[in-house]
Amino acid sequence: MKVSGTSGVGSAGGSRQGRPAGGEGFRLSMPATSGPAQAAPTNSVAGVSSVGALLALQDVGGPLERKRRAVSRAGRILDVLDEVKLSLLGGDLATSDLERLRRAVREERANTEDAGLEGVLNEIETRAAVELAKLDRGRHAS
């Protein structure tokens, strides 16, 4: 390729189609309106902005939150069971220990929907009632 002469920038050859007169370029076609658009009135969003609704959503939590709460409640029952076991083995089981166990079982029963867990809670409650009856019988015999 041979370069002959300096013609400058923009002197590229080729045919160009002329632009229409008036400098018309890109246009958007807009629908004709007869006046300003009327805004529709908005309804209140009290259900979404209500503090109570937001607190309720936070309280529900996801599956991990529910599992964390269940493990916490189960840990509390196991702690009470362990205290009752140690008191029973030591021979100084008190009525208050068994009542605390029964209260923990009642609270957990209100939060469960599992049939297997219900069975375990029934067994714990039955055993606590038996031990309470033994304590009561021992007090009356003395």
Protein backbone atom coordinates (compact mmCIF):
# COMPACT_ATOMS: atom_id res chain seq x y z
CA MET A 1 0.00 0.00 0.00
CA LYS A 2 1.41 3.30 -1.03
CA VAL A 3 0.65 6.52 0.75
CA SER A 4 0.69 9.46 -1.58
CA GLY A 5 0.06 12.90 -0.18
CA THR A 6 -1.41 14.26 2.96
CA SER A 7 -5.05 14.82 2.69
CA GLY A 8 -5.77 15.28 6.41
CA VAL A 9 -8.18 13.64 8.70
CA GLY A 10 -11.75 13.15 7.63
CA SER A 11 -11.25 13.04 3.94
CA ALA A 12 -12.37 9.50 3.59
CA GLY A 13 -14.01 8.70 0.36
CA GLY A 14 -17.38 7.16 -0.10
CA SER A 15 -20.86 8.31 -0.69
CA ARG A 16 -23.01 9.84 2.00
CA GLN A 17 -26.66 10.20 2.05
CA GLY A 18 -27.76 13.68 2.85
CA ARG A 19 -29.78 14.49 5.93
CA PRO A 20 -33.26 15.82 5.58
CA ALA A 21 -33.62 19.54 5.94
CA GLY A 22 -34.41 20.90 9.40
CA GLY A 23 -31.85 18.78 11.24
CA GLU A 24 -34.30 16.14 12.32
CA GLY A 25 -32.66 13.37 14.28
CA PHE A 26 -33.82 10.77 16.76
CA ARG A 27 -37.40 11.18 17.98
CA LEU A 28 -39.61 9.47 20.52
CA SER A 29 -43.21 9.14 19.69
CA MET A 30 -45.28 10.11 22.74
CA PRO A 31 -49.02 9.59 23.01
CA ALA A 32 -50.92 12.81 22.95
CA THR A 33 -52.35 13.87 26.30
CA SER A 34 -54.93 16.47 26.91
CA GLY A 35 -53.51 17.68 30.22
CA PRO A 36 -51.55 16.64 33.26
CA ALA A 37 -52.10 13.04 34.30
CA GLN A 38 -54.31 12.50 37.30
CA ALA A 39 -52.56 10.70 40.15
CA ALA A 40 -54.58 7.94 41.73
CA PRO A 41 -55.03 8.34 45.48
CA THR A 42 -52.99 5.90 47.51
CA ASN A 43 -54.45 3.78 50.25
CA SER A 44 -52.90 3.61 53.66
CA VAL A 45 -50.21 1.00 54.16
CA ALA A 46 -50.85 0.62 57.85
CA GLY A 47 -50.43 -3.18 57.74
CA VAL A 48 -46.86 -2.92 56.51
CA SER A 49 -45.75 0.09 58.49
CA SER A 50 -47.33 -1.02 61.73
CA VAL A 51 -44.79 -1.59 64.48
CA GLY A 52 -46.77 -4.59 65.67
CA ALA A 53 -46.53 -6.24 62.26
CA LEU A 54 -42.78 -5.69 62.13
CA LEU A 55 -42.32 -7.13 65.60
CA ALA A 56 -44.44 -10.13 64.67
CA LEU A 57 -42.28 -10.75 61.61
CA GLN A 58 -39.13 -10.57 63.71
CA ASP A 59 -40.61 -12.94 66.27
CA VAL A 60 -41.40 -15.62 63.69
CA GLY A 61 -37.82 -16.08 62.58
CA GLY A 62 -36.60 -18.68 60.16
CA PRO A 63 -35.99 -22.38 60.61
CA LEU A 64 -32.60 -21.76 62.18
CA GLU A 65 -34.08 -19.37 64.73
CA ARG A 66 -36.81 -21.88 65.65
CA LYS A 67 -34.21 -24.63 66.00
CA ARG A 68 -32.04 -22.39 68.21
CA ARG A 69 -35.00 -21.69 70.49
CA ALA A 70 -35.93 -25.38 70.66
CA VAL A 71 -32.37 -26.32 71.58
CA SER A 72 -32.36 -23.63 74.26
CA ARG A 73 -35.63 -24.90 75.77
CA ALA A 74 -34.41 -28.51 75.62
CA GLY A 75 -31.17 -27.49 77.30
CA ARG A 76 -33.13 -25.91 80.14
CA ILE A 77 -35.17 -29.10 80.68
CA LEU A 78 -32.01 -31.20 80.58
CA ASP A 79 -30.38 -28.93 83.16
CA VAL A 80 -33.37 -29.33 85.49
CA LEU A 81 -33.38 -33.11 84.90
CA ASP A 82 -29.69 -33.24 85.76
CA GLU A 83 -30.28 -31.33 89.00
CA VAL A 84 -33.14 -33.68 89.90
CA LYS A 85 -30.95 -36.70 89.15
CA LEU A 86 -28.12 -35.42 91.36
CA SER A 87 -30.56 -34.60 94.17
CA LEU A 88 -32.18 -38.01 93.85
CA LEU A 89 -28.83 -39.82 93.95
CA GLY A 90 -27.70 -37.67 96.87
CA GLY A 91 -30.89 -38.42 98.79
CA ASP A 92 -31.91 -34.77 99.19
CA LEU A 93 -34.57 -34.43 96.53
CA ALA A 94 -36.87 -31.48 97.25
CA THR A 95 -40.43 -30.92 96.12
CA SER A 96 -39.37 -27.60 94.62
CA ASP A 97 -36.95 -29.41 92.25
CA LEU A 98 -39.73 -31.63 90.95
CA GLU A 99 -42.16 -28.72 90.63
CA ARG A 100 -39.57 -26.80 88.61
CA LEU A 101 -39.20 -29.83 86.34
CA ARG A 102 -42.96 -30.12 85.86
CA ARG A 103 -43.17 -26.38 85.08
CA ALA A 104 -40.38 -26.67 82.46
CA VAL A 105 -42.16 -29.65 80.86
CA ARG A 106 -45.48 -27.75 80.74
CA GLU A 107 -43.82 -24.77 79.07
CA GLU A 108 -42.14 -26.99 76.48
CA ARG A 109 -45.36 -28.88 75.79
CA ALA A 110 -47.01 -25.63 74.70
CA ASN A 111 -44.30 -25.10 72.05
CA THR A 112 -44.07 -28.57 70.53
CA GLU A 113 -45.82 -30.18 67.61
CA ASP A 114 -43.76 -33.39 67.53
CA ALA A 115 -45.43 -36.61 68.65
CA GLY A 116 -42.12 -38.20 69.68
CA LEU A 117 -41.22 -35.23 71.84
CA GLU A 118 -44.70 -35.31 73.37
CA GLY A 119 -44.08 -38.93 74.38
CA VAL A 120 -40.78 -38.06 76.06
CA LEU A 121 -42.38 -35.13 77.88
CA ASN A 122 -45.19 -37.43 79.05
CA GLU A 123 -42.62 -39.87 80.47
CA ILE A 124 -40.74 -37.08 82.27
CA GLU A 125 -43.97 -35.70 83.69
CA THR A 126 -45.09 -39.15 84.85
CA ARG A 127 -41.75 -39.83 86.54
CA ALA A 128 -41.87 -36.42 88.27
CA ALA A 129 -45.40 -37.20 89.54
CA VAL A 130 -44.21 -40.58 90.87
CA GLU A 131 -41.28 -38.98 92.69
CA LEU A 132 -43.59 -36.30 94.15
CA ALA A 133 -45.94 -39.04 95.37
CA LYS A 134 -42.98 -40.87 96.97
CA LEU A 135 -41.87 -37.70 98.73
CA ASP A 136 -45.40 -37.03 99.96
CA ARG A 137 -45.82 -40.61 101.17
CA GLY A 138 -42.45 -40.48 102.95
CA ARG A 139 -43.42 -37.30 104.76
CA HIS A 140 -46.74 -38.73 105.93
CA ALA A 141 -45.12 -41.99 107.10
CA SER A 142 -42.62 -40.14 109.31
